[in-house]
Each structure stands twice: as structure tokens, then as C-alpha cells.
């Protein structure tokens, strides 16, 4: 981790930042990296699923701790920190909100994006939506997330050739963290990497976000489970208790 103010929550050093400060930081890192070789700035996120995985998989915990910055992309983490942590978090930094805060600044600063992940249709639609909403936003490229390990080297080469300022990777947990771990030192043409989970599904309109009041109350997971009960209900029932336990036993 770089020298970033953090709160220790559920085994992880969570960045003490907000959406606006994070967006400014992304742009600053991207501009500083231009023309310079070396690894990009790497930002990832933690939520209940991530905290649960960190408790059951030491290898995944090690992957998370390699990031330069970890955002709290789960309102329960923020609420817990406000009640029990010596260093409470300012707000939830949801990637679905952060991407828009970054895009508005990127359009003005000439910062380019690259979207990697999701299906071909969803990926293409997500790019279209962002370009329509932010007319000055430049996309250096895009690529769906359906590829094998044998294609990975070529994808990394293509991304480096495109030289995006910010690479948004939406392959899902833990695949996106594993991808970054294998390729962080190779992605020398990139300024900032942000793992993004299901971001492109939300941008494209495939998935809908919960009402604002549910987001603020930390109940967005309930809304998502209601929309996708077969896929998410069991996951939340198993991961949420583990995440709560991690917060209680492994926070400061």
C-alpha cells in the first residue's frame, strides 16, 4: 500500500476518502503517470463479499493488500466505522458513483478510459452511455471480459498500445484482483487501474441500483437480492454473517 490515510476494517486498510477526493486523485495520478514507465496506481474496493473472502482465503487477502488504495464499497462498513472505529469513514465510495465523478473531470482534462469486462453487448452499451453523458470523454478502447488465460498476454499488449489513462476492470471478484496481480507490472501503458465488479452492468442499464434511501441505509444488497434471488440470495446469506464477524473481530 502507498502512504494513504486508512481505517483498519475487517482485516483491510480502507482508504479514508470520499468520492470527490478519490476522483481528483485518479485524475492527478493519471496525469502524473503519462510518459512515465512503471506500474500504474491500483485501486480496488471492499464490500461484504470481499471481507468474507478475505477471512476464508489467505491468498485473496494478500491480493487485496497489494492494492495502493482500497475503497469501502459497502455502506455497512461505513456505518460500522462510524459507530466503533477510531477513524470513521466519511462516506461509501461506490464504484457506480465514482466512475461518474471521474468521468466528468476526465472529460475536461482529456483523460482517457478503457473498459475491460462484461459481455460484448453490455460493454459496448456502457461505453455508449458514458460517451453520451460526457461528450468530451475519450475512450482509448474497450474489450469484453470473456477470454481465457491464453489470450491474456495479447489483451495486455493491446491495452498498453492503447495507453489509457484509466483502466476500469469489471471481471468480478476475485477474478479481477487475480488479473491485476498477474499483470500489474506489465500494464506499463496505463496510469490508473480500478477494479469495478459489475459496474458495466449498471452503466449499461442491464442492472438497476436500489433507491437512494436503501443505499444510505446499507440495504442495497436487499434490493439486489430481491431482483436476482437465485443468484444472490444464497451468496448474501453466507457472506453477510462472515463479513459482520470480520468487522467485529478484525477492525480497529
Protein backbone atom coordinates (compact mmCIF):
# COMPACT_ATOMS: atom_id res chain seq x y z
CA UNK A 1 0.00 0.00 0.00
CA UNK A 2 1.11 3.57 -0.60
CA UNK A 3 1.04 6.18 2.17
CA UNK A 4 -2.73 6.76 2.24
CA UNK A 5 -4.73 7.54 5.42
CA UNK A 6 -6.66 4.40 6.29
CA UNK A 7 -9.07 2.79 8.72
CA UNK A 8 -8.47 -0.87 9.55
CA UNK A 9 -11.74 -2.71 8.91
CA UNK A 10 -12.27 -6.44 8.52
CA UNK A 11 -8.55 -7.17 8.03
CA UNK A 12 -8.13 -4.47 5.38
CA UNK A 13 -6.72 -0.91 5.35
CA UNK A 14 -9.63 1.07 3.94
CA UNK A 15 -8.88 4.47 2.45
CA UNK A 16 -10.21 7.45 4.37
CA UNK A 17 -11.53 9.35 1.42
CA UNK A 18 -14.73 10.34 -0.33
CA UNK A 19 -15.95 10.20 -3.91
CA UNK A 20 -14.84 13.67 -4.90
CA UNK A 21 -11.37 13.34 -3.40
CA UNK A 22 -10.96 9.92 -4.99
CA UNK A 23 -11.97 11.28 -8.40
CA UNK A 24 -9.47 14.13 -8.12
CA UNK A 25 -6.82 11.64 -7.06
CA UNK A 26 -7.46 9.41 -10.08
CA UNK A 27 -7.06 12.32 -12.47
CA UNK A 28 -3.91 13.52 -10.72
CA UNK A 29 -2.35 10.05 -10.78
CA UNK A 30 -3.27 9.59 -14.44
CA UNK A 31 -1.72 12.89 -15.48
CA UNK A 32 1.44 12.21 -13.45
CA UNK A 33 1.86 8.76 -15.00
CA UNK A 34 1.71 9.98 -18.61
CA UNK A 35 5.01 9.43 -20.38
CA UNK A 36 6.45 7.56 -17.41
CA UNK A 37 7.22 3.86 -17.39
CA UNK A 38 6.38 1.62 -14.47
CA UNK A 39 3.33 0.17 -12.84
CA UNK A 40 0.03 2.04 -12.62
CA UNK A 41 -1.71 3.24 -9.48
CA UNK A 42 -4.01 0.41 -8.40
CA UNK A 43 -7.31 0.97 -6.61
CA UNK A 44 -9.75 -1.77 -5.63
CA UNK A 45 -12.84 -1.98 -3.41
CA UNK A 46 -14.15 -3.96 -0.45
CA UNK A 47 -17.69 -4.97 0.42
CA UNK A 48 -19.27 -7.81 2.36
CA UNK A 49 -18.31 -10.42 -0.21
CA UNK A 50 -14.70 -9.24 -0.18
CA UNK A 51 -14.49 -9.22 3.62
CA UNK A 52 -15.88 -12.76 3.73
CA UNK A 53 -13.39 -13.97 1.14
CA UNK A 54 -10.51 -12.34 2.98
CA UNK A 55 -11.46 -14.36 6.06
CA UNK A 56 -11.62 -17.70 4.26
CA UNK A 57 -8.83 -17.27 1.69
CA UNK A 58 -5.44 -16.02 2.87
CA UNK A 59 -4.25 -15.79 -0.73
CA UNK A 60 -7.08 -13.44 -1.65
CA UNK A 61 -6.40 -11.33 1.44
CA UNK A 62 -2.79 -10.98 0.27
CA UNK A 63 -4.01 -9.91 -3.19
CA UNK A 64 -6.22 -7.20 -1.69
CA UNK A 65 -3.40 -5.85 0.44
CA UNK A 66 -1.24 -5.36 -2.66
CA UNK A 67 -3.52 -2.54 -3.84
CA UNK A 68 -2.42 1.08 -3.45
CA UNK A 69 -5.92 2.01 -2.31
CA UNK A 70 -8.99 0.12 -1.09
CA UNK A 71 -12.36 1.87 -1.15
CA UNK A 72 -15.29 0.99 1.09
CA UNK A 73 -17.91 -0.02 -1.48
CA UNK A 74 -20.33 -1.21 1.17
CA UNK A 75 -22.45 1.05 3.37
CA UNK A 76 -22.41 -1.38 6.33
CA UNK A 77 -18.63 -0.86 6.50
CA UNK A 78 -19.12 2.89 6.69
CA UNK A 79 -21.85 2.62 9.34
CA UNK A 80 -19.74 0.24 11.41
CA UNK A 81 -16.75 2.58 11.25
CA UNK A 82 -18.89 5.49 12.43
CA UNK A 83 -20.07 3.56 15.46
CA UNK A 84 -16.97 1.66 16.50
CA UNK A 85 -13.84 2.76 14.64
CA UNK A 86 -11.34 5.30 15.94
CA UNK A 87 -11.12 6.54 12.35
CA UNK A 88 -14.65 6.66 10.91
CA UNK A 89 -15.07 6.76 7.14
CA UNK A 90 -16.54 9.86 5.50
CA UNK A 91 -18.78 8.02 3.06
CA UNK A 92 -19.21 4.97 0.90
CA UNK A 93 -17.15 5.17 -2.28
CA UNK A 94 -19.30 3.08 -4.61
CA UNK A 95 -17.64 2.46 -7.95
CA UNK A 96 -21.00 3.04 -9.63
CA UNK A 97 -20.87 6.63 -8.32
CA UNK A 98 -17.13 7.11 -8.57
CA UNK A 99 -16.99 6.40 -12.30
CA UNK A 100 -19.25 9.39 -12.98
CA UNK A 101 -17.29 11.71 -10.69
CA UNK A 102 -14.10 10.68 -12.50
CA UNK A 103 -15.68 10.91 -15.96
CA UNK A 104 -16.83 14.49 -15.50
CA UNK A 105 -13.29 15.53 -14.60
CA UNK A 106 -11.72 13.29 -17.23
CA UNK A 107 -13.79 14.89 -19.99
CA UNK A 108 -12.39 18.29 -19.03
CA UNK A 109 -8.80 17.12 -18.54
CA UNK A 110 -8.56 14.93 -21.63
CA UNK A 111 -8.19 11.76 -19.55
CA UNK A 112 -8.96 8.56 -21.46
CA UNK A 113 -10.83 5.45 -20.29
CA UNK A 114 -10.66 1.77 -21.18
CA UNK A 115 -13.47 -0.62 -20.19
CA UNK A 116 -12.48 -4.28 -19.77
CA UNK A 117 -15.15 -6.75 -18.75
CA UNK A 118 -18.79 -7.91 -19.02
CA UNK A 119 -20.40 -9.30 -22.16
CA UNK A 120 -19.77 -7.75 -25.56
CA UNK A 121 -23.23 -6.14 -25.69
CA UNK A 122 -23.06 -4.79 -22.14
CA UNK A 123 -19.52 -3.48 -22.58
CA UNK A 124 -20.36 -1.70 -25.84
CA UNK A 125 -23.55 -0.23 -24.38
CA UNK A 126 -21.71 1.00 -21.27
CA UNK A 127 -19.23 2.88 -23.46
CA UNK A 128 -22.07 4.40 -25.50
CA UNK A 129 -23.87 5.59 -22.36
CA UNK A 130 -20.75 7.20 -20.93
CA UNK A 131 -19.87 8.97 -24.17
CA UNK A 132 -23.42 10.29 -24.49
CA UNK A 133 -23.44 11.55 -20.92
CA UNK A 134 -19.92 13.03 -21.08
CA UNK A 135 -19.39 14.20 -24.69
CA UNK A 136 -15.74 15.11 -24.14
CA UNK A 137 -14.82 11.76 -22.61
CA UNK A 138 -12.25 9.83 -24.65
CA UNK A 139 -12.24 6.04 -24.78
CA UNK A 140 -8.86 4.60 -25.69
CA UNK A 141 -10.53 1.22 -26.13
CA UNK A 142 -12.76 -1.45 -24.71
CA UNK A 143 -12.89 -5.25 -24.52
CA UNK A 144 -15.41 -7.76 -23.18
CA UNK A 145 -14.46 -9.97 -20.25
CA UNK A 146 -14.83 -13.31 -21.99
CA UNK A 147 -11.31 -14.57 -22.59
CA UNK A 148 -9.02 -17.35 -21.49
CA UNK A 149 -5.63 -17.21 -19.85
CA UNK A 150 -4.03 -17.98 -23.22
CA UNK A 151 -5.42 -14.68 -24.56
CA UNK A 152 -4.34 -12.57 -21.60
CA UNK A 153 -0.90 -11.56 -22.87
CA UNK A 154 -2.42 -10.26 -26.09
CA UNK A 155 -5.05 -8.30 -24.19
CA UNK A 156 -2.38 -6.70 -22.00
CA UNK A 157 -0.39 -5.79 -25.11
CA UNK A 158 -3.49 -4.24 -26.70
CA UNK A 159 -4.23 -2.19 -23.59
CA UNK A 160 -0.65 -0.95 -23.42
CA UNK A 161 -0.78 0.00 -27.09
CA UNK A 162 -3.99 1.99 -26.47
CA UNK A 163 -2.32 3.75 -23.50
CA UNK A 164 -5.48 4.51 -21.50
CA UNK A 165 -5.13 6.87 -18.58
CA UNK A 166 -7.62 4.88 -16.50
CA UNK A 167 -8.40 1.19 -16.94
CA UNK A 168 -11.69 0.03 -15.42
CA UNK A 169 -11.72 -3.77 -14.97
CA UNK A 170 -15.11 -5.42 -14.43
CA UNK A 171 -14.44 -9.15 -14.23
CA UNK A 172 -15.99 -9.74 -10.81
CA UNK A 173 -14.44 -10.79 -7.51
CA UNK A 174 -11.94 -12.47 -7.27
CA UNK A 175 -11.14 -12.75 -11.00
CA UNK A 176 -10.40 -9.05 -11.43
CA UNK A 177 -7.99 -8.94 -8.49
CA UNK A 178 -6.24 -12.04 -9.80
CA UNK A 179 -5.97 -10.50 -13.27
CA UNK A 180 -4.41 -7.36 -11.82
CA UNK A 181 -2.00 -9.37 -9.69
CA UNK A 182 -0.73 -11.25 -12.75
CA UNK A 183 -0.43 -8.16 -14.91
CA UNK A 184 0.11 -5.08 -12.74
CA UNK A 185 3.80 -4.83 -13.54
CA UNK A 186 3.12 -5.45 -17.24
CA UNK A 187 0.48 -2.75 -17.72
CA UNK A 188 3.05 0.00 -18.08
CA UNK A 189 0.96 1.94 -20.57
CA UNK A 190 -1.81 2.54 -18.02
CA UNK A 191 -2.00 5.35 -15.47
CA UNK A 192 -4.65 4.08 -13.05
CA UNK A 193 -6.37 0.71 -12.62
CA UNK A 194 -9.72 0.43 -10.86
CA UNK A 195 -11.37 -2.95 -10.29
CA UNK A 196 -15.07 -2.45 -10.87
CA UNK A 197 -17.14 -5.59 -10.24
CA UNK A 198 -20.49 -5.33 -12.02
CA UNK A 199 -20.05 -1.65 -12.92
CA UNK A 200 -20.71 -2.09 -16.63
CA UNK A 201 -23.99 -3.91 -15.96
CA UNK A 202 -25.22 -0.84 -14.07
CA UNK A 203 -23.94 1.74 -16.56
CA UNK A 204 -25.50 -0.12 -19.48
CA UNK A 205 -28.86 -0.35 -17.74
CA UNK A 206 -28.81 -4.15 -17.52
CA UNK A 207 -28.98 -3.90 -13.71
CA UNK A 208 -30.74 -1.25 -11.64
CA UNK A 209 -29.47 0.35 -8.45
CA UNK A 210 -31.50 0.47 -5.27
CA UNK A 211 -33.41 3.63 -4.29
CA UNK A 212 -31.21 6.25 -2.62
CA UNK A 213 -32.73 5.66 0.82
CA UNK A 214 -31.84 1.97 0.68
CA UNK A 215 -28.29 2.81 -0.37
CA UNK A 216 -27.86 5.21 2.56
CA UNK A 217 -29.31 2.68 4.99
CA UNK A 218 -26.91 -0.01 3.83
CA UNK A 219 -29.73 -2.08 2.33
CA UNK A 220 -28.74 -2.08 -1.33
CA UNK A 221 -27.88 -5.78 -1.00
CA UNK A 222 -31.52 -6.47 -0.06
CA UNK A 223 -32.72 -4.74 -3.22
CA UNK A 224 -30.26 -6.66 -5.40
CA UNK A 225 -31.23 -9.96 -3.78
CA UNK A 226 -34.87 -9.16 -4.48
CA UNK A 227 -34.07 -8.53 -8.16
CA UNK A 228 -31.83 -11.59 -8.53
CA UNK A 229 -32.89 -14.04 -5.80
CA UNK A 230 -31.49 -17.20 -7.41
CA UNK A 231 -28.03 -15.74 -7.95
CA UNK A 232 -27.60 -13.51 -4.92
CA UNK A 233 -29.79 -14.71 -2.05
CA UNK A 234 -27.57 -17.65 -1.10
CA UNK A 235 -24.42 -15.56 -1.54
CA UNK A 236 -25.65 -12.85 0.79
CA UNK A 237 -26.93 -15.33 3.37
CA UNK A 238 -23.49 -16.92 3.55
CA UNK A 239 -21.22 -13.91 3.15
CA UNK A 240 -23.01 -11.28 5.25
CA UNK A 241 -22.58 -13.09 8.61
CA UNK A 242 -18.90 -13.68 7.80
CA UNK A 243 -18.43 -10.04 6.85
CA UNK A 244 -20.08 -8.84 10.06
CA UNK A 245 -17.89 -11.19 12.04
CA UNK A 246 -14.78 -9.87 10.28
CA UNK A 247 -15.75 -6.29 11.11
CA UNK A 248 -16.32 -7.13 14.78
CA UNK A 249 -13.17 -9.22 15.27
CA UNK A 250 -10.70 -7.63 12.86
CA UNK A 251 -11.19 -3.87 12.97
CA UNK A 252 -9.57 -1.05 14.88
